[in-house]
Each structure stands twice: as C-alpha cells, then as structure tokens.
C-alpha cells in the first residue's frame, strides 16, 4: 500500500510540473502529450474491437443459421448446434456425482435427469431435472449444483422406510405417511420395520404405533398389525395371541384391557383371541392346533386354568 501511495505522489508531482503548470521549469524539456487526445484514442480502439467481435459473432451465427449460406435453419436445429458448440468449448456435462442415496438406483436418477437430451449447461434445465428426481418414490428432496465448467452434483435426501406392508400378494415398503417406496422381498427388506397387512393399513400404521407407544408390552410383542375391512385393527402378538380392537375408541379399549386382572394370564396361555370391540366387555377364545386339528374355542375359565 505504501508503494502505491508513493507512486501516486510521484504521479501527482509530475502532473503538477507539466507544461501547463507554473513549475514547468523544474523539469527537463519534454514533449508532453495532449491530455485530451489519449482518452479519445482508447475510445476509438475499444469501438473498433467491439465492432470486430460483433462481426465475428455475426458471421458465426450466420454460418450456423444457414449452414454456410446454403439454407435457412429451424430454431430447434440451431439450438442443437449451439448446444454442441457450447459442449465443445468446455461447458458440456461430462461428470455427474450422486450423493446421499441408498435405496434409489443410480439408473433411475440418471433417467430422471434426462442427460441424453442435453449436452451442455446451455440446454440443461436444472429446475425441471430436480423436480423429476423428486418424483422418484424414494426421494424426499433433491438439489442439483453446477460445478463449472463441466460437472454437476446431485444430492438426494431419501424417505425413511417405516413399515413392511402385506397388500394382497404384494409385499411393499412404505414410509410413515403410507407412501409406497418400493416392492420388497421379506428376506432382503430393511430390518426393524413395522409389519402391517390389509387394505388401508399403510395410511393408518403410524397412528396405531403412536397409540401403542403408551403400551410397551404390547408394542414389543407385536408381530403384525392387520387392518380389517379398512376400518379397525387386529393385533397379532407373539405366542399366537390376537387382540381385536374396535373401529373407534381404541385407546379406551386398550386401557380397559390392561386394567383387566386376568389379562397377563390369558396372554401367558398363548393362542388367545381377545375381543374388546364391545365397550365394557372383554370376550376371549382360543384356537389351538393340537395334532394338526383346530380345537373349538374354549372358555375363559379353561384358559386361566391352563395358564396355571
């Protein structure tokens, strides 16, 4: 900064001692240029350069538009030609990096990007590509970043798998909102997912699990939650136990069931069907397979006796 200041001071001193000042005698004779002529010459040079560049651009565009003056080109063909030229100049899309995805196949992302339709950053529609990627079932949101001159980074945030839904013959992975993410095989599906079945189960599963969170013994013993007729839940527990919940008032029914003194004994007996669909009443039956034969439902008294 000091050198710049010194240079500026020297320049001011020289200016002060120009032939147009009173101190011209302190410097040797020098043929000082006309101070107004230099800016004019710079302006003329700039104009000449601009005209030359514009002319070259015009000639290039004329050549592209008319194929060397032979014929008129359509805008679509011109756009393709310009896109190719931009790609040749180093602004093509030559490298794409995908980040953040685990379940979304790479091929699905590349297909959504539509890279086969755009050769450079000139023709690539980044906003449309992002929307297309976000339409993929596993993708919750995506961002696309340009890294000049020829790179692109796609960062993906995926939806969280929540439940494994048995829907007819299909086994599907769904998120907390019930959105189907993909088909699955039971032996390859992510572990720790809630097991659900029945029509409408995917949309209602998170509400059921929120209800069961107040009953850790039941949620811990849950093997599958089955949606019956799209209206109510049947809980399949370990040891073959089932709980038939009502269509409404499930929370009250579970509180009443847990307050029943014989509830633990019935669960210990195993293969018990506990029906709490009627308010203020608990009905119990058992379906036990003995020697390959279904035994008729037994009374609650026998169940308690068998539980010891």
C-alpha atoms as a PDB file:
ATOM      1  CA  UNK A   1       0.000   0.000   0.000  1.00  0.00           C
ATOM      2  CA  UNK A   2       2.909   2.362   0.727  1.00  0.00           C
ATOM      3  CA  UNK A   3       4.411   1.728  -2.690  1.00  0.00           C
ATOM      4  CA  UNK A   4       1.126   2.526  -4.341  1.00  0.00           C
ATOM      5  CA  UNK A   5       0.896   5.722  -2.314  1.00  0.00           C
ATOM      6  CA  UNK A   6       4.427   6.723  -3.278  1.00  0.00           C
ATOM      7  CA  UNK A   7       3.705   6.061  -6.912  1.00  0.00           C
ATOM      8  CA  UNK A   8       0.564   8.173  -6.669  1.00  0.00           C
ATOM      9  CA  UNK A   9       2.509  11.014  -5.095  1.00  0.00           C
ATOM     10  CA  UNK A  10       5.122  10.855  -7.818  1.00  0.00           C
ATOM     11  CA  UNK A  11       2.426  10.931 -10.456  1.00  0.00           C
ATOM     12  CA  UNK A  12       0.834  13.959  -8.825  1.00  0.00           C
ATOM     13  CA  UNK A  13       4.242  15.685  -8.723  1.00  0.00           C
ATOM     14  CA  UNK A  14       4.822  15.002 -12.396  1.00  0.00           C
ATOM     15  CA  UNK A  15       1.351  16.245 -13.237  1.00  0.00           C
ATOM     16  CA  UNK A  16       1.946  19.395 -11.222  1.00  0.00           C
ATOM     17  CA  UNK A  17       5.145  20.016 -13.156  1.00  0.00           C
ATOM     18  CA  UNK A  18       3.610  19.629 -16.586  1.00  0.00           C
ATOM     19  CA  UNK A  19       3.979  22.421 -19.162  1.00  0.00           C
ATOM     20  CA  UNK A  20       0.522  23.580 -18.205  1.00  0.00           C
ATOM     21  CA  UNK A  21       1.626  24.379 -14.614  1.00  0.00           C
ATOM     22  CA  UNK A  22       3.740  27.173 -13.173  1.00  0.00           C
ATOM     23  CA  UNK A  23       6.522  24.755 -12.148  1.00  0.00           C
ATOM     24  CA  UNK A  24       7.431  23.523 -15.623  1.00  0.00           C
ATOM     25  CA  UNK A  25      10.934  24.900 -15.336  1.00  0.00           C
ATOM     26  CA  UNK A  26      11.938  22.435 -12.635  1.00  0.00           C
ATOM     27  CA  UNK A  27      11.834  19.505 -15.102  1.00  0.00           C
ATOM     28  CA  UNK A  28      13.824  18.996 -18.308  1.00  0.00           C
ATOM     29  CA  UNK A  29      12.161  19.843 -21.560  1.00  0.00           C
ATOM     30  CA  UNK A  30       9.730  17.067 -22.589  1.00  0.00           C
ATOM     31  CA  UNK A  31       7.211  16.945 -25.350  1.00  0.00           C
ATOM     32  CA  UNK A  32       4.081  16.309 -23.169  1.00  0.00           C
ATOM     33  CA  UNK A  33       1.203  14.642 -24.994  1.00  0.00           C
ATOM     34  CA  UNK A  34      -2.113  16.303 -25.350  1.00  0.00           C
ATOM     35  CA  UNK A  35      -4.035  15.186 -22.257  1.00  0.00           C
ATOM     36  CA  UNK A  36      -7.385  15.076 -24.111  1.00  0.00           C
ATOM     37  CA  UNK A  37      -6.162  13.061 -27.098  1.00  0.00           C
ATOM     38  CA  UNK A  38      -5.307   9.812 -25.188  1.00  0.00           C
ATOM     39  CA  UNK A  39      -8.842   9.026 -23.959  1.00  0.00           C
ATOM     40  CA  UNK A  40     -10.127   9.624 -27.464  1.00  0.00           C
ATOM     41  CA  UNK A  41      -7.667   7.102 -28.961  1.00  0.00           C
ATOM     42  CA  UNK A  42      -8.654   4.474 -26.297  1.00  0.00           C
ATOM     43  CA  UNK A  43     -12.330   5.003 -27.090  1.00  0.00           C
ATOM     44  CA  UNK A  44     -11.737   4.543 -30.811  1.00  0.00           C
ATOM     45  CA  UNK A  45      -9.748   1.352 -30.207  1.00  0.00           C
ATOM     46  CA  UNK A  46     -12.475  -0.016 -27.977  1.00  0.00           C
ATOM     47  CA  UNK A  47     -15.093   0.727 -30.618  1.00  0.00           C
ATOM     48  CA  UNK A  48     -13.058  -0.915 -33.336  1.00  0.00           C
ATOM     49  CA  UNK A  49     -12.514  -4.021 -31.197  1.00  0.00           C
ATOM     50  CA  UNK A  50     -16.220  -4.245 -30.303  1.00  0.00           C
ATOM     51  CA  UNK A  51     -17.226  -3.953 -33.948  1.00  0.00           C
ATOM     52  CA  UNK A  52     -14.734  -6.656 -34.912  1.00  0.00           C
ATOM     53  CA  UNK A  53     -16.019  -9.044 -32.230  1.00  0.00           C
ATOM     54  CA  UNK A  54     -19.642  -8.353 -33.162  1.00  0.00           C
ATOM     55  CA  UNK A  55     -18.784  -9.010 -36.770  1.00  0.00           C
ATOM     56  CA  UNK A  56     -17.156 -12.341 -35.960  1.00  0.00           C
ATOM     57  CA  UNK A  57     -20.131 -13.364 -33.826  1.00  0.00           C
ATOM     58  CA  UNK A  58     -22.500 -12.336 -36.595  1.00  0.00           C
ATOM     59  CA  UNK A  59     -20.561 -14.341 -39.167  1.00  0.00           C
ATOM     60  CA  UNK A  60     -20.584 -17.360 -36.856  1.00  0.00           C
ATOM     61  CA  UNK A  61     -24.310 -17.109 -36.258  1.00  0.00           C
ATOM     62  CA  UNK A  62     -24.946 -16.655 -39.976  1.00  0.00           C
ATOM     63  CA  UNK A  63     -22.919 -19.766 -40.713  1.00  0.00           C
ATOM     64  CA  UNK A  64     -24.836 -21.781 -38.090  1.00  0.00           C
ATOM     65  CA  UNK A  65     -28.234 -20.469 -39.128  1.00  0.00           C
ATOM     66  CA  UNK A  66     -27.732 -21.008 -42.845  1.00  0.00           C
ATOM     67  CA  UNK A  67     -25.181 -23.811 -42.984  1.00  0.00           C
ATOM     68  CA  UNK A  68     -22.683 -21.598 -44.682  1.00  0.00           C
ATOM     69  CA  UNK A  69     -25.292 -19.563 -46.545  1.00  0.00           C
ATOM     70  CA  UNK A  70     -26.819 -22.572 -48.264  1.00  0.00           C
ATOM     71  CA  UNK A  71     -30.185 -22.790 -46.477  1.00  0.00           C
ATOM     72  CA  UNK A  72     -32.313 -21.486 -43.616  1.00  0.00           C
ATOM     73  CA  UNK A  73     -32.169 -23.439 -40.319  1.00  0.00           C
ATOM     74  CA  UNK A  74     -35.021 -24.047 -37.862  1.00  0.00           C
ATOM     75  CA  UNK A  75     -34.658 -22.851 -34.289  1.00  0.00           C
ATOM     76  CA  UNK A  76     -34.590 -26.422 -32.949  1.00  0.00           C
ATOM     77  CA  UNK A  77     -31.654 -27.341 -35.173  1.00  0.00           C
ATOM     78  CA  UNK A  78     -29.921 -24.078 -34.285  1.00  0.00           C
ATOM     79  CA  UNK A  79     -30.349 -24.780 -30.562  1.00  0.00           C
ATOM     80  CA  UNK A  80     -28.873 -28.243 -31.013  1.00  0.00           C
ATOM     81  CA  UNK A  81     -25.922 -26.778 -32.913  1.00  0.00           C
ATOM     82  CA  UNK A  82     -25.324 -24.102 -30.286  1.00  0.00           C
ATOM     83  CA  UNK A  83     -25.567 -26.742 -27.564  1.00  0.00           C
ATOM     84  CA  UNK A  84     -22.923 -28.777 -29.364  1.00  0.00           C
ATOM     85  CA  UNK A  85     -20.662 -25.766 -29.734  1.00  0.00           C
ATOM     86  CA  UNK A  86     -21.006 -24.921 -26.044  1.00  0.00           C
ATOM     87  CA  UNK A  87     -20.151 -28.519 -25.201  1.00  0.00           C
ATOM     88  CA  UNK A  88     -17.055 -28.399 -27.390  1.00  0.00           C
ATOM     89  CA  UNK A  89     -15.971 -25.184 -25.698  1.00  0.00           C
ATOM     90  CA  UNK A  90     -15.682 -26.969 -22.341  1.00  0.00           C
ATOM     91  CA  UNK A  91     -19.134 -26.362 -20.889  1.00  0.00           C
ATOM     92  CA  UNK A  92     -20.561 -29.796 -21.598  1.00  0.00           C
ATOM     93  CA  UNK A  93     -21.912 -32.046 -18.825  1.00  0.00           C
ATOM     94  CA  UNK A  94     -19.119 -34.602 -18.594  1.00  0.00           C
ATOM     95  CA  UNK A  95     -19.226 -35.622 -14.930  1.00  0.00           C
ATOM     96  CA  UNK A  96     -22.225 -36.210 -12.640  1.00  0.00           C
ATOM     97  CA  UNK A  97     -21.793 -37.086  -8.968  1.00  0.00           C
ATOM     98  CA  UNK A  98     -24.663 -38.624  -6.971  1.00  0.00           C
ATOM     99  CA  UNK A  99     -24.747 -38.262  -3.178  1.00  0.00           C
ATOM    100  CA  UNK A 100     -26.982 -39.258  -0.285  1.00  0.00           C
ATOM    101  CA  UNK A 101     -28.954 -42.099  -1.844  1.00  0.00           C
ATOM    102  CA  UNK A 102     -29.074 -45.678  -0.581  1.00  0.00           C
ATOM    103  CA  UNK A 103     -32.231 -47.265  -1.928  1.00  0.00           C
ATOM    104  CA  UNK A 104     -32.707 -45.227  -5.108  1.00  0.00           C
ATOM    105  CA  UNK A 105     -31.000 -46.943  -8.085  1.00  0.00           C
ATOM    106  CA  UNK A 106     -28.431 -44.830  -9.923  1.00  0.00           C
ATOM    107  CA  UNK A 107     -30.115 -45.617 -13.222  1.00  0.00           C
ATOM    108  CA  UNK A 108     -33.417 -44.159 -12.045  1.00  0.00           C
ATOM    109  CA  UNK A 109     -31.702 -40.899 -11.094  1.00  0.00           C
ATOM    110  CA  UNK A 110     -29.880 -40.614 -14.433  1.00  0.00           C
ATOM    111  CA  UNK A 111     -33.082 -41.353 -16.330  1.00  0.00           C
ATOM    112  CA  UNK A 112     -34.870 -38.610 -14.376  1.00  0.00           C
ATOM    113  CA  UNK A 113     -32.082 -36.132 -15.114  1.00  0.00           C
ATOM    114  CA  UNK A 114     -32.548 -36.639 -18.844  1.00  0.00           C
ATOM    115  CA  UNK A 115     -28.888 -36.188 -19.654  1.00  0.00           C
ATOM    116  CA  UNK A 116     -29.369 -37.800 -23.046  1.00  0.00           C
ATOM    117  CA  UNK A 117     -31.394 -34.742 -24.093  1.00  0.00           C
ATOM    118  CA  UNK A 118     -28.865 -32.091 -23.065  1.00  0.00           C
ATOM    119  CA  UNK A 119     -25.193 -31.902 -23.996  1.00  0.00           C
ATOM    120  CA  UNK A 120     -24.239 -28.782 -22.068  1.00  0.00           C
ATOM    121  CA  UNK A 121     -25.252 -26.388 -19.303  1.00  0.00           C
ATOM    122  CA  UNK A 122     -26.855 -24.216 -22.002  1.00  0.00           C
ATOM    123  CA  UNK A 123     -29.678 -26.659 -22.750  1.00  0.00           C
ATOM    124  CA  UNK A 124     -29.921 -28.497 -19.426  1.00  0.00           C
ATOM    125  CA  UNK A 125     -32.989 -27.454 -17.403  1.00  0.00           C
ATOM    126  CA  UNK A 126     -31.798 -27.739 -13.799  1.00  0.00           C
ATOM    127  CA  UNK A 127     -35.174 -26.914 -12.207  1.00  0.00           C
ATOM    128  CA  UNK A 128     -37.061 -29.468 -14.303  1.00  0.00           C
ATOM    129  CA  UNK A 129     -34.403 -32.097 -13.600  1.00  0.00           C
ATOM    130  CA  UNK A 130     -34.666 -31.523  -9.846  1.00  0.00           C
ATOM    131  CA  UNK A 131     -38.452 -31.895  -9.974  1.00  0.00           C
ATOM    132  CA  UNK A 132     -38.111 -35.108 -11.985  1.00  0.00           C
ATOM    133  CA  UNK A 133     -35.690 -36.578  -9.442  1.00  0.00           C
ATOM    134  CA  UNK A 134     -38.023 -35.647  -6.582  1.00  0.00           C
ATOM    135  CA  UNK A 135     -40.825 -37.571  -8.278  1.00  0.00           C
ATOM    136  CA  UNK A 136     -38.913 -40.825  -7.706  1.00  0.00           C
ATOM    137  CA  UNK A 137     -40.613 -42.838  -4.978  1.00  0.00           C
ATOM    138  CA  UNK A 138     -37.679 -42.976  -2.556  1.00  0.00           C
ATOM    139  CA  UNK A 139     -36.662 -39.315  -2.969  1.00  0.00           C
ATOM    140  CA  UNK A 140     -37.981 -36.764  -0.491  1.00  0.00           C
ATOM    141  CA  UNK A 141     -35.979 -33.842  -1.856  1.00  0.00           C
ATOM    142  CA  UNK A 142     -33.046 -33.228  -4.173  1.00  0.00           C
ATOM    143  CA  UNK A 143     -30.647 -30.449  -5.063  1.00  0.00           C
ATOM    144  CA  UNK A 144     -28.531 -30.030  -8.195  1.00  0.00           C
ATOM    145  CA  UNK A 145     -25.358 -27.938  -8.083  1.00  0.00           C
ATOM    146  CA  UNK A 146     -23.367 -26.798 -11.097  1.00  0.00           C
ATOM    147  CA  UNK A 147     -19.602 -27.040 -10.807  1.00  0.00           C
ATOM    148  CA  UNK A 148     -18.148 -25.164 -13.776  1.00  0.00           C
ATOM    149  CA  UNK A 149     -17.165 -25.858 -16.336  1.00  0.00           C
ATOM    150  CA  UNK A 150     -18.444 -29.425 -16.899  1.00  0.00           C
ATOM    151  CA  UNK A 151     -19.536 -31.037 -13.608  1.00  0.00           C
ATOM    152  CA  UNK A 152     -22.808 -31.469 -11.753  1.00  0.00           C
ATOM    153  CA  UNK A 153     -23.533 -32.729  -8.216  1.00  0.00           C
ATOM    154  CA  UNK A 154     -26.914 -34.262  -7.350  1.00  0.00           C
ATOM    155  CA  UNK A 155     -27.602 -34.549  -3.612  1.00  0.00           C
ATOM    156  CA  UNK A 156     -30.553 -36.693  -2.553  1.00  0.00           C
ATOM    157  CA  UNK A 157     -32.414 -36.958   0.741  1.00  0.00           C
ATOM    158  CA  UNK A 158     -34.384 -40.175   0.816  1.00  0.00           C
ATOM    159  CA  UNK A 159     -37.615 -41.003   2.587  1.00  0.00           C
ATOM    160  CA  UNK A 160     -37.309 -43.170   5.684  1.00  0.00           C
ATOM    161  CA  UNK A 161     -38.788 -46.676   5.361  1.00  0.00           C
ATOM    162  CA  UNK A 162     -41.318 -47.235   8.115  1.00  0.00           C
ATOM    163  CA  UNK A 163     -43.370 -50.381   7.538  1.00  0.00           C
ATOM    164  CA  UNK A 164     -43.480 -53.568   5.529  1.00  0.00           C
ATOM    165  CA  UNK A 165     -46.982 -53.831   4.096  1.00  0.00           C
ATOM    166  CA  UNK A 166     -48.536 -57.101   3.021  1.00  0.00           C
ATOM    167  CA  UNK A 167     -51.031 -55.895   0.426  1.00  0.00           C
ATOM    168  CA  UNK A 168     -52.660 -58.930  -1.103  1.00  0.00           C
ATOM    169  CA  UNK A 169     -49.859 -60.908  -2.711  1.00  0.00           C
ATOM    170  CA  UNK A 170     -47.562 -57.886  -2.798  1.00  0.00           C
ATOM    171  CA  UNK A 171     -45.019 -57.015  -0.129  1.00  0.00           C
ATOM    172  CA  UNK A 172     -44.313 -53.275  -0.137  1.00  0.00           C
ATOM    173  CA  UNK A 173     -42.081 -50.875   1.765  1.00  0.00           C
ATOM    174  CA  UNK A 174     -43.906 -47.703   2.839  1.00  0.00           C
ATOM    175  CA  UNK A 175     -42.915 -44.570   4.731  1.00  0.00           C
ATOM    176  CA  UNK A 176     -44.631 -43.040   7.746  1.00  0.00           C
ATOM    177  CA  UNK A 177     -47.203 -41.263   5.562  1.00  0.00           C
ATOM    178  CA  UNK A 178     -48.115 -44.518   3.794  1.00  0.00           C
ATOM    179  CA  UNK A 179     -46.350 -43.675   0.532  1.00  0.00           C
ATOM    180  CA  UNK A 180     -45.235 -46.818  -1.298  1.00  0.00           C
ATOM    181  CA  UNK A 181     -41.455 -46.682  -1.745  1.00  0.00           C
ATOM    182  CA  UNK A 182     -40.789 -49.985  -3.472  1.00  0.00           C
ATOM    183  CA  UNK A 183     -41.642 -53.653  -3.670  1.00  0.00           C
ATOM    184  CA  UNK A 184     -39.682 -55.922  -1.359  1.00  0.00           C
ATOM    185  CA  UNK A 185     -38.713 -59.468  -0.559  1.00  0.00           C
ATOM    186  CA  UNK A 186     -39.114 -60.412   3.068  1.00  0.00           C
ATOM    187  CA  UNK A 187     -35.564 -61.732   3.393  1.00  0.00           C
ATOM    188  CA  UNK A 188     -33.983 -58.616   1.816  1.00  0.00           C
ATOM    189  CA  UNK A 189     -36.232 -55.872   3.258  1.00  0.00           C
ATOM    190  CA  UNK A 190     -34.708 -53.422   5.770  1.00  0.00           C
ATOM    191  CA  UNK A 191     -34.837 -54.767   9.311  1.00  0.00           C
ATOM    192  CA  UNK A 192     -36.843 -53.227  12.147  1.00  0.00           C
ATOM    193  CA  UNK A 193     -39.845 -52.224  10.062  1.00  0.00           C
ATOM    194  CA  UNK A 194     -43.397 -52.380  11.414  1.00  0.00           C
ATOM    195  CA  UNK A 195     -45.224 -55.375   9.922  1.00  0.00           C
ATOM    196  CA  UNK A 196     -48.681 -54.461   8.638  1.00  0.00           C
ATOM    197  CA  UNK A 197     -51.334 -56.035   6.415  1.00  0.00           C
ATOM    198  CA  UNK A 198     -54.749 -55.293   4.964  1.00  0.00           C
ATOM    199  CA  UNK A 199     -56.431 -52.604   2.939  1.00  0.00           C
ATOM    200  CA  UNK A 200     -55.652 -49.098   4.215  1.00  0.00           C
ATOM    201  CA  UNK A 201     -53.014 -50.289   6.675  1.00  0.00           C
ATOM    202  CA  UNK A 202     -50.230 -48.167   5.187  1.00  0.00           C
ATOM    203  CA  UNK A 203     -52.015 -44.848   5.837  1.00  0.00           C
ATOM    204  CA  UNK A 204     -53.026 -45.735   9.410  1.00  0.00           C
ATOM    205  CA  UNK A 205     -49.937 -47.548  10.666  1.00  0.00           C
ATOM    206  CA  UNK A 206     -48.187 -44.539  12.211  1.00  0.00           C
ATOM    207  CA  UNK A 207     -51.318 -43.574  14.175  1.00  0.00           C
ATOM    208  CA  UNK A 208     -51.582 -47.128  15.544  1.00  0.00           C
ATOM    209  CA  UNK A 209     -47.951 -47.204  16.606  1.00  0.00           C
ATOM    210  CA  UNK A 210     -48.366 -43.843  18.331  1.00  0.00           C
ATOM    211  CA  UNK A 211     -51.269 -45.382  20.241  1.00  0.00           C
ATOM    212  CA  UNK A 212     -49.262 -48.464  21.185  1.00  0.00           C
ATOM    213  CA  UNK A 213     -46.310 -46.381  22.336  1.00  0.00           C
ATOM    214  CA  UNK A 214     -48.160 -45.986  25.661  1.00  0.00           C
ATOM    215  CA  UNK A 215     -48.261 -49.792  25.983  1.00  0.00           C
ATOM    216  CA  UNK A 216     -44.691 -51.007  25.639  1.00  0.00           C
ATOM    217  CA  UNK A 217     -45.571 -54.620  26.454  1.00  0.00           C
ATOM    218  CA  UNK A 218     -47.987 -54.777  23.523  1.00  0.00           C
ATOM    219  CA  UNK A 219     -45.831 -52.908  21.010  1.00  0.00           C
ATOM    220  CA  UNK A 220     -42.859 -55.077  21.975  1.00  0.00           C
ATOM    221  CA  UNK A 221     -44.879 -58.263  21.409  1.00  0.00           C
ATOM    222  CA  UNK A 222     -46.449 -57.104  18.138  1.00  0.00           C
ATOM    223  CA  UNK A 223     -45.682 -59.320  15.169  1.00  0.00           C
ATOM    224  CA  UNK A 224     -48.132 -57.832  12.694  1.00  0.00           C
ATOM    225  CA  UNK A 225     -50.932 -55.282  12.686  1.00  0.00           C
ATOM    226  CA  UNK A 226     -53.732 -56.285  10.337  1.00  0.00           C
ATOM    227  CA  UNK A 227     -56.252 -53.752   9.068  1.00  0.00           C
ATOM    228  CA  UNK A 228     -59.662 -55.434   8.905  1.00  0.00           C
ATOM    229  CA  UNK A 229     -62.134 -54.223   6.268  1.00  0.00           C
ATOM    230  CA  UNK A 230     -60.280 -50.905   6.189  1.00  0.00           C
ATOM    231  CA  UNK A 231     -61.959 -49.935   9.491  1.00  0.00           C
ATOM    232  CA  UNK A 232     -60.207 -51.451  12.502  1.00  0.00           C
ATOM    233  CA  UNK A 233     -57.084 -53.283  13.686  1.00  0.00           C
ATOM    234  CA  UNK A 234     -56.329 -56.869  14.592  1.00  0.00           C
ATOM    235  CA  UNK A 235     -53.076 -57.152  16.523  1.00  0.00           C
ATOM    236  CA  UNK A 236     -51.098 -60.361  16.048  1.00  0.00           C
ATOM    237  CA  UNK A 237     -48.817 -60.881  19.045  1.00  0.00           C
ATOM    238  CA  UNK A 238     -46.190 -63.462  19.917  1.00  0.00           C
ATOM    239  CA  UNK A 239     -47.341 -66.945  21.039  1.00  0.00           C
ATOM    240  CA  UNK A 240     -50.268 -66.731  18.628  1.00  0.00           C
ATOM    241  CA  UNK A 241     -52.227 -64.174  20.640  1.00  0.00           C
ATOM    242  CA  UNK A 242     -54.581 -61.745  18.880  1.00  0.00           C
ATOM    243  CA  UNK A 243     -56.359 -58.616  20.020  1.00  0.00           C
ATOM    244  CA  UNK A 244     -59.446 -57.453  18.156  1.00  0.00           C
ATOM    245  CA  UNK A 245     -59.670 -53.664  18.503  1.00  0.00           C
ATOM    246  CA  UNK A 246     -62.810 -51.604  17.819  1.00  0.00           C
ATOM    247  CA  UNK A 247     -63.122 -49.221  14.872  1.00  0.00           C
ATOM    248  CA  UNK A 248     -63.331 -46.272  17.286  1.00  0.00           C
ATOM    249  CA  UNK A 249     -62.267 -45.785  20.874  1.00  0.00           C
ATOM    250  CA  UNK A 250     -59.125 -47.943  20.558  1.00  0.00           C
ATOM    251  CA  UNK A 251     -57.303 -46.033  23.289  1.00  0.00           C
ATOM    252  CA  UNK A 252     -60.063 -46.598  25.846  1.00  0.00           C
ATOM    253  CA  UNK A 253     -60.348 -50.266  24.885  1.00  0.00           C
ATOM    254  CA  UNK A 254     -56.628 -50.824  25.445  1.00  0.00           C
ATOM    255  CA  UNK A 255     -56.716 -49.080  28.837  1.00  0.00           C
ATOM    256  CA  UNK A 256     -59.634 -51.267  29.930  1.00  0.00           C
ATOM    257  CA  UNK A 257     -57.858 -54.382  28.660  1.00  0.00           C
ATOM    258  CA  UNK A 258     -54.657 -53.580  30.510  1.00  0.00           C
ATOM    259  CA  UNK A 259     -56.682 -52.978  33.694  1.00  0.00           C
ATOM    260  CA  UNK A 260     -58.292 -56.436  33.469  1.00  0.00           C
ATOM    261  CA  UNK A 261     -56.751 -58.600  36.229  1.00  0.00           C
ATOM    262  CA  UNK A 262     -56.668 -61.761  34.090  1.00  0.00           C
ATOM    263  CA  UNK A 263     -55.035 -60.165  31.058  1.00  0.00           C
ATOM    264  CA  UNK A 264     -51.488 -61.394  31.822  1.00  0.00           C
ATOM    265  CA  UNK A 265     -52.726 -64.957  32.438  1.00  0.00           C
ATOM    266  CA  UNK A 266     -54.586 -65.044  29.130  1.00  0.00           C
ATOM    267  CA  UNK A 267     -51.504 -63.857  27.246  1.00  0.00           C
ATOM    268  CA  UNK A 268     -49.371 -66.462  29.004  1.00  0.00           C
ATOM    269  CA  UNK A 269     -51.768 -69.212  27.884  1.00  0.00           C
ATOM    270  CA  UNK A 270     -50.982 -68.371  24.256  1.00  0.00           C
ATOM    271  CA  UNK A 271     -53.076 -68.634  21.102  1.00  0.00           C
ATOM    272  CA  UNK A 272     -55.737 -66.462  22.671  1.00  0.00           C
ATOM    273  CA  UNK A 273     -58.135 -64.234  20.765  1.00  0.00           C
ATOM    274  CA  UNK A 274     -59.097 -61.256  22.920  1.00  0.00           C
ATOM    275  CA  UNK A 275     -62.028 -59.260  21.617  1.00  0.00           C
ATOM    276  CA  UNK A 276     -62.561 -55.755  23.017  1.00  0.00           C
ATOM    277  CA  UNK A 277     -64.754 -54.413  20.220  1.00  0.00           C
ATOM    278  CA  UNK A 278     -67.739 -54.038  22.563  1.00  0.00           C
ATOM    279  CA  UNK A 279     -67.365 -51.284  25.128  1.00  0.00           C
ATOM    280  CA  UNK A 280     -67.258 -52.569  28.707  1.00  0.00           C
ATOM    281  CA  UNK A 281     -66.934 -56.215  27.652  1.00  0.00           C
ATOM    282  CA  UNK A 282     -63.941 -58.486  27.038  1.00  0.00           C
ATOM    283  CA  UNK A 283     -64.524 -61.729  25.156  1.00  0.00           C
ATOM    284  CA  UNK A 284     -61.829 -64.401  24.939  1.00  0.00           C
ATOM    285  CA  UNK A 285     -61.492 -67.553  22.921  1.00  0.00           C
ATOM    286  CA  UNK A 286     -58.637 -69.779  21.895  1.00  0.00           C
ATOM    287  CA  UNK A 287     -57.703 -71.515  18.678  1.00  0.00           C
ATOM    288  CA  UNK A 288     -55.063 -74.067  19.497  1.00  0.00           C
ATOM    289  CA  UNK A 289     -53.758 -76.569  16.998  1.00  0.00           C
ATOM    290  CA  UNK A 290     -53.282 -79.991  18.535  1.00  0.00           C
ATOM    291  CA  UNK A 291     -52.033 -82.829  16.348  1.00  0.00           C
ATOM    292  CA  UNK A 292     -52.856 -80.818  13.248  1.00  0.00           C
ATOM    293  CA  UNK A 293     -56.503 -80.272  14.214  1.00  0.00           C
ATOM    294  CA  UNK A 294     -58.159 -76.986  15.110  1.00  0.00           C
ATOM    295  CA  UNK A 295     -59.699 -77.167  18.558  1.00  0.00           C
ATOM    296  CA  UNK A 296     -63.007 -75.377  19.128  1.00  0.00           C
ATOM    297  CA  UNK A 297     -62.908 -72.147  21.118  1.00  0.00           C
ATOM    298  CA  UNK A 298     -62.644 -72.691  24.854  1.00  0.00           C
ATOM    299  CA  UNK A 299     -63.963 -70.686  27.748  1.00  0.00           C
ATOM    300  CA  UNK A 300     -62.008 -68.031  29.574  1.00  0.00           C
ATOM    301  CA  UNK A 301     -62.116 -70.164  32.721  1.00  0.00           C
ATOM    302  CA  UNK A 302     -60.273 -73.006  30.973  1.00  0.00           C
ATOM    303  CA  UNK A 303     -57.721 -70.589  29.580  1.00  0.00           C
ATOM    304  CA  UNK A 304     -56.938 -69.254  33.031  1.00  0.00           C
ATOM    305  CA  UNK A 305     -56.659 -72.768  34.434  1.00  0.00           C
ATOM    306  CA  UNK A 306     -54.272 -73.761  31.637  1.00  0.00           C
ATOM    307  CA  UNK A 307     -52.130 -70.736  32.378  1.00  0.00           C
ATOM    308  CA  UNK A 308     -51.676 -72.061  35.907  1.00  0.00           C
END
